[in-house]
Amino acid sequence: MKKVAIFIIDFYKQFLSVVFKSIAGAENVCRFQEHCDDFAKRVITEHGFLKGTYLSTIRLYKGKILV
């Protein structure tokens, strides 16, 4: 599961984030110093799939991206 999650994050970072940034017209959408996709990749690698996904979701809500 970890490898699948890391692959999805890398795919998002390479392809989808570029599209979202061009649609939103913003250079930097994430308000945190370490971007949310980098954070998600790091915590999934360090803590495993379940806890990493949980921590990443909390981080997205704090950044008000999902709200």
Protein backbone atom coordinates (compact mmCIF):
# COMPACT_ATOMS: atom_id res chain seq x y z
CA MET A 1 0.00 0.00 0.00
CA LYS A 2 2.87 2.37 0.76
CA LYS A 3 4.28 2.07 -2.74
CA VAL A 4 0.87 2.68 -4.33
CA ALA A 5 0.32 5.78 -2.18
CA ILE A 6 3.79 7.12 -3.02
CA PHE A 7 3.14 6.49 -6.73
CA ILE A 8 -0.17 8.40 -6.56
CA ILE A 9 1.52 11.32 -4.79
CA ASP A 10 4.32 11.40 -7.39
CA PHE A 11 1.76 11.26 -10.22
CA TYR A 12 -0.17 14.12 -8.65
CA LYS A 13 3.00 16.17 -8.18
CA GLN A 14 4.22 15.63 -11.75
CA PHE A 15 0.97 16.03 -13.68
CA LEU A 16 -2.14 17.07 -11.77
CA SER A 17 -0.67 19.84 -9.62
CA VAL A 18 0.48 21.67 -12.75
CA VAL A 19 -3.06 21.57 -14.14
CA PHE A 20 -4.62 22.72 -10.86
CA LYS A 21 -2.15 25.59 -10.50
CA SER A 22 -2.83 26.79 -14.04
CA ILE A 23 -6.60 26.66 -13.48
CA ALA A 24 -6.41 28.40 -10.10
CA GLY A 25 -3.96 30.96 -11.44
CA ALA A 26 -1.83 30.67 -8.31
CA GLU A 27 1.89 30.10 -8.21
CA ASN A 28 1.90 28.64 -4.71
CA VAL A 29 -1.37 27.26 -3.34
CA CYS A 30 -0.05 25.52 -0.22
CA ARG A 31 0.32 27.79 2.81
CA PHE A 32 2.85 25.54 4.57
CA GLN A 33 6.61 25.69 4.12
CA GLU A 34 6.82 21.98 3.28
CA HIS A 35 4.17 21.46 0.61
CA CYS A 36 1.36 19.06 1.40
CA ASP A 37 2.39 16.49 -1.21
CA ASP A 38 5.97 16.41 0.11
CA PHE A 39 4.66 16.12 3.66
CA ALA A 40 2.33 13.27 2.69
CA LYS A 41 5.13 11.38 0.98
CA ARG A 42 7.42 11.81 3.99
CA VAL A 43 4.91 10.75 6.66
CA ILE A 44 3.68 7.75 4.67
CA THR A 45 7.29 6.62 4.29
CA GLU A 46 8.10 7.20 7.97
CA HIS A 47 4.88 6.10 9.68
CA GLY A 48 3.26 3.66 7.27
CA PHE A 49 0.18 3.88 5.11
CA LEU A 50 -2.60 4.24 7.72
CA LYS A 51 -1.00 6.72 10.09
CA GLY A 52 0.62 8.62 7.20
CA THR A 53 -2.70 8.97 5.40
CA TYR A 54 -4.33 10.15 8.62
CA LEU A 55 -1.62 12.76 9.25
CA SER A 56 -1.77 13.92 5.63
CA THR A 57 -5.54 14.35 5.79
CA ILE A 58 -5.24 16.40 8.98
CA ARG A 59 -2.62 18.57 7.27
CA LEU A 60 -4.91 19.16 4.27
CA TYR A 61 -7.73 20.29 6.55
CA LYS A 62 -5.40 22.65 8.42
CA GLY A 63 -4.38 24.17 5.09
CA LYS A 64 -8.07 24.64 4.26
CA ILE A 65 -7.58 22.95 0.88
CA LEU A 66 -10.42 20.43 1.40
CA VAL A 67 -12.86 22.83 3.05
